[in-house]
Amino acid sequence: MSERINDNTMSAIVALMDDETRERVHFELAPCSNESFLKRYCELVPGFEKTLKDEFSIELDA
């Protein structure tokens, strides 16, 4: 990931997430960086990486 994801961007991303999966990741990792949170979320919901790329121009590093 080339740049840090700020809290404003993260708030917009969260609005597109499945609530149950988001809460699961929060329970597993918090506190953590936005980047770590998104990586774990995308492990559970692989198709969400396309949403990140298409809607926010965010590409996660492997």
N, C-alpha and C. Protein backbone atom coordinates (compact mmCIF):
# COMPACT_ATOMS: atom_id res chain seq x y z
N MET A 1 0.86 -1.16 0.00
CA MET A 1 0.00 0.00 0.00
C MET A 1 0.91 1.22 0.00
N SER A 2 0.72 2.07 -0.93
CA SER A 2 1.66 3.17 -1.11
C SER A 2 1.45 4.33 -0.16
N GLU A 3 0.26 4.50 0.37
CA GLU A 3 0.03 5.62 1.28
C GLU A 3 -0.89 5.21 2.41
N ARG A 4 -0.82 5.94 3.49
CA ARG A 4 -1.68 5.64 4.63
C ARG A 4 -3.11 6.06 4.32
N ILE A 5 -4.04 5.34 4.87
CA ILE A 5 -5.45 5.63 4.67
C ILE A 5 -5.94 6.45 5.86
N ASN A 6 -6.37 7.67 5.58
CA ASN A 6 -6.79 8.55 6.69
C ASN A 6 -8.18 8.17 7.20
N ASP A 7 -8.52 8.72 8.35
CA ASP A 7 -9.77 8.36 9.01
C ASP A 7 -11.01 8.78 8.22
N ASN A 8 -10.93 9.88 7.49
CA ASN A 8 -12.07 10.30 6.67
C ASN A 8 -12.34 9.30 5.55
N THR A 9 -11.28 8.85 4.90
CA THR A 9 -11.43 7.84 3.85
C THR A 9 -11.94 6.54 4.46
N MET A 10 -11.40 6.19 5.61
CA MET A 10 -11.82 4.95 6.27
C MET A 10 -13.30 4.99 6.63
N SER A 11 -13.80 6.14 7.04
CA SER A 11 -15.23 6.27 7.35
C SER A 11 -16.09 5.98 6.13
N ALA A 12 -15.66 6.44 4.97
CA ALA A 12 -16.40 6.18 3.73
C ALA A 12 -16.33 4.69 3.37
N ILE A 13 -15.18 4.08 3.58
CA ILE A 13 -15.00 2.66 3.29
C ILE A 13 -15.90 1.82 4.20
N VAL A 14 -15.92 2.16 5.47
CA VAL A 14 -16.71 1.40 6.46
C VAL A 14 -18.19 1.36 6.06
N ALA A 15 -18.68 2.43 5.46
CA ALA A 15 -20.08 2.48 5.06
C ALA A 15 -20.42 1.40 4.03
N LEU A 16 -19.42 0.89 3.33
CA LEU A 16 -19.64 -0.12 2.30
C LEU A 16 -19.41 -1.55 2.80
N MET A 17 -18.99 -1.69 4.04
CA MET A 17 -18.66 -3.01 4.59
C MET A 17 -19.87 -3.71 5.18
N ASP A 18 -19.77 -5.03 5.21
CA ASP A 18 -20.74 -5.85 5.91
C ASP A 18 -20.53 -5.64 7.41
N ASP A 19 -21.59 -5.28 8.12
CA ASP A 19 -21.48 -4.95 9.55
C ASP A 19 -20.92 -6.10 10.39
N GLU A 20 -21.42 -7.30 10.16
CA GLU A 20 -21.00 -8.43 10.97
C GLU A 20 -19.51 -8.74 10.76
N THR A 21 -19.06 -8.71 9.52
CA THR A 21 -17.65 -8.98 9.23
C THR A 21 -16.77 -7.86 9.77
N ARG A 22 -17.23 -6.62 9.62
CA ARG A 22 -16.46 -5.49 10.15
C ARG A 22 -16.29 -5.61 11.66
N GLU A 23 -17.35 -5.97 12.35
CA GLU A 23 -17.27 -6.13 13.81
C GLU A 23 -16.34 -7.28 14.19
N ARG A 24 -16.35 -8.34 13.40
CA ARG A 24 -15.44 -9.46 13.65
C ARG A 24 -13.99 -9.01 13.56
N VAL A 25 -13.67 -8.27 12.52
CA VAL A 25 -12.29 -7.79 12.35
C VAL A 25 -11.93 -6.83 13.47
N HIS A 26 -12.85 -5.97 13.84
CA HIS A 26 -12.60 -5.03 14.94
C HIS A 26 -12.29 -5.81 16.22
N PHE A 27 -13.07 -6.83 16.50
CA PHE A 27 -12.86 -7.65 17.70
C PHE A 27 -11.50 -8.34 17.67
N GLU A 28 -11.10 -8.84 16.49
CA GLU A 28 -9.83 -9.55 16.34
C GLU A 28 -8.62 -8.63 16.48
N LEU A 29 -8.68 -7.43 15.90
CA LEU A 29 -7.47 -6.63 15.71
C LEU A 29 -7.38 -5.32 16.49
N ALA A 30 -8.49 -4.72 16.84
CA ALA A 30 -8.42 -3.38 17.43
C ALA A 30 -7.64 -3.39 18.74
N PRO A 31 -6.81 -2.40 18.97
CA PRO A 31 -6.50 -1.30 18.06
C PRO A 31 -5.48 -1.73 16.99
N CYS A 32 -5.66 -1.18 15.80
CA CYS A 32 -4.75 -1.47 14.69
C CYS A 32 -4.81 -0.33 13.68
N SER A 33 -3.92 -0.36 12.71
CA SER A 33 -3.94 0.67 11.67
C SER A 33 -5.11 0.39 10.71
N ASN A 34 -5.51 1.42 10.00
CA ASN A 34 -6.55 1.26 8.98
C ASN A 34 -6.11 0.23 7.94
N GLU A 35 -4.83 0.27 7.58
CA GLU A 35 -4.30 -0.65 6.57
C GLU A 35 -4.40 -2.10 7.04
N SER A 36 -4.02 -2.36 8.28
CA SER A 36 -4.10 -3.72 8.83
C SER A 36 -5.55 -4.19 8.87
N PHE A 37 -6.44 -3.29 9.26
CA PHE A 37 -7.86 -3.61 9.32
C PHE A 37 -8.37 -4.02 7.94
N LEU A 38 -8.03 -3.24 6.92
CA LEU A 38 -8.50 -3.53 5.56
C LEU A 38 -7.91 -4.83 5.02
N LYS A 39 -6.67 -5.08 5.32
CA LYS A 39 -6.06 -6.34 4.86
C LYS A 39 -6.81 -7.54 5.44
N ARG A 40 -7.10 -7.50 6.73
CA ARG A 40 -7.83 -8.61 7.36
C ARG A 40 -9.24 -8.70 6.82
N TYR A 41 -9.91 -7.59 6.66
CA TYR A 41 -11.27 -7.60 6.11
C TYR A 41 -11.28 -8.26 4.73
N CYS A 42 -10.30 -7.92 3.91
CA CYS A 42 -10.23 -8.48 2.55
C CYS A 42 -9.84 -9.96 2.56
N GLU A 43 -9.19 -10.43 3.61
CA GLU A 43 -8.97 -11.87 3.74
C GLU A 43 -10.29 -12.59 3.92
N LEU A 44 -11.20 -11.97 4.63
CA LEU A 44 -12.51 -12.56 4.90
C LEU A 44 -13.50 -12.32 3.76
N VAL A 45 -13.35 -11.20 3.06
CA VAL A 45 -14.23 -10.82 1.96
C VAL A 45 -13.35 -10.42 0.77
N PRO A 46 -12.80 -11.42 0.06
CA PRO A 46 -11.83 -11.13 -1.01
C PRO A 46 -12.34 -10.16 -2.08
N GLY A 47 -13.60 -10.20 -2.40
CA GLY A 47 -14.14 -9.30 -3.42
C GLY A 47 -14.09 -7.84 -3.03
N PHE A 48 -13.89 -7.54 -1.76
CA PHE A 48 -13.87 -6.15 -1.31
C PHE A 48 -12.63 -5.41 -1.82
N GLU A 49 -11.58 -6.13 -2.17
CA GLU A 49 -10.39 -5.48 -2.74
C GLU A 49 -10.75 -4.74 -4.02
N LYS A 50 -11.66 -5.30 -4.81
CA LYS A 50 -12.09 -4.62 -6.04
C LYS A 50 -12.82 -3.33 -5.70
N THR A 51 -13.64 -3.34 -4.66
CA THR A 51 -14.33 -2.13 -4.22
C THR A 51 -13.31 -1.07 -3.81
N LEU A 52 -12.31 -1.47 -3.05
CA LEU A 52 -11.28 -0.52 -2.63
C LEU A 52 -10.58 0.10 -3.82
N LYS A 53 -10.26 -0.73 -4.78
CA LYS A 53 -9.55 -0.23 -5.97
C LYS A 53 -10.45 0.66 -6.82
N ASP A 54 -11.67 0.19 -7.08
CA ASP A 54 -12.58 0.93 -7.97
C ASP A 54 -13.10 2.23 -7.36
N GLU A 55 -13.45 2.20 -6.08
CA GLU A 55 -14.08 3.35 -5.45
C GLU A 55 -13.09 4.33 -4.81
N PHE A 56 -11.94 3.82 -4.36
CA PHE A 56 -11.01 4.65 -3.59
C PHE A 56 -9.58 4.66 -4.14
N SER A 57 -9.35 3.94 -5.22
CA SER A 57 -8.01 3.81 -5.81
C SER A 57 -6.99 3.29 -4.79
N ILE A 58 -7.44 2.36 -3.96
CA ILE A 58 -6.58 1.75 -2.95
C ILE A 58 -6.25 0.33 -3.38
N GLU A 59 -4.97 0.02 -3.42
CA GLU A 59 -4.53 -1.34 -3.69
C GLU A 59 -3.73 -1.83 -2.49
N LEU A 60 -4.12 -2.95 -1.95
CA LEU A 60 -3.45 -3.52 -0.80
C LEU A 60 -2.24 -4.31 -1.24
N ASP A 61 -1.14 -4.17 -0.49
CA ASP A 61 0.04 -4.98 -0.74
C ASP A 61 -0.20 -6.37 -0.20
N ALA A 62 0.46 -7.31 -0.80
CA ALA A 62 0.31 -8.71 -0.34
C ALA A 62 0.96 -8.90 1.01
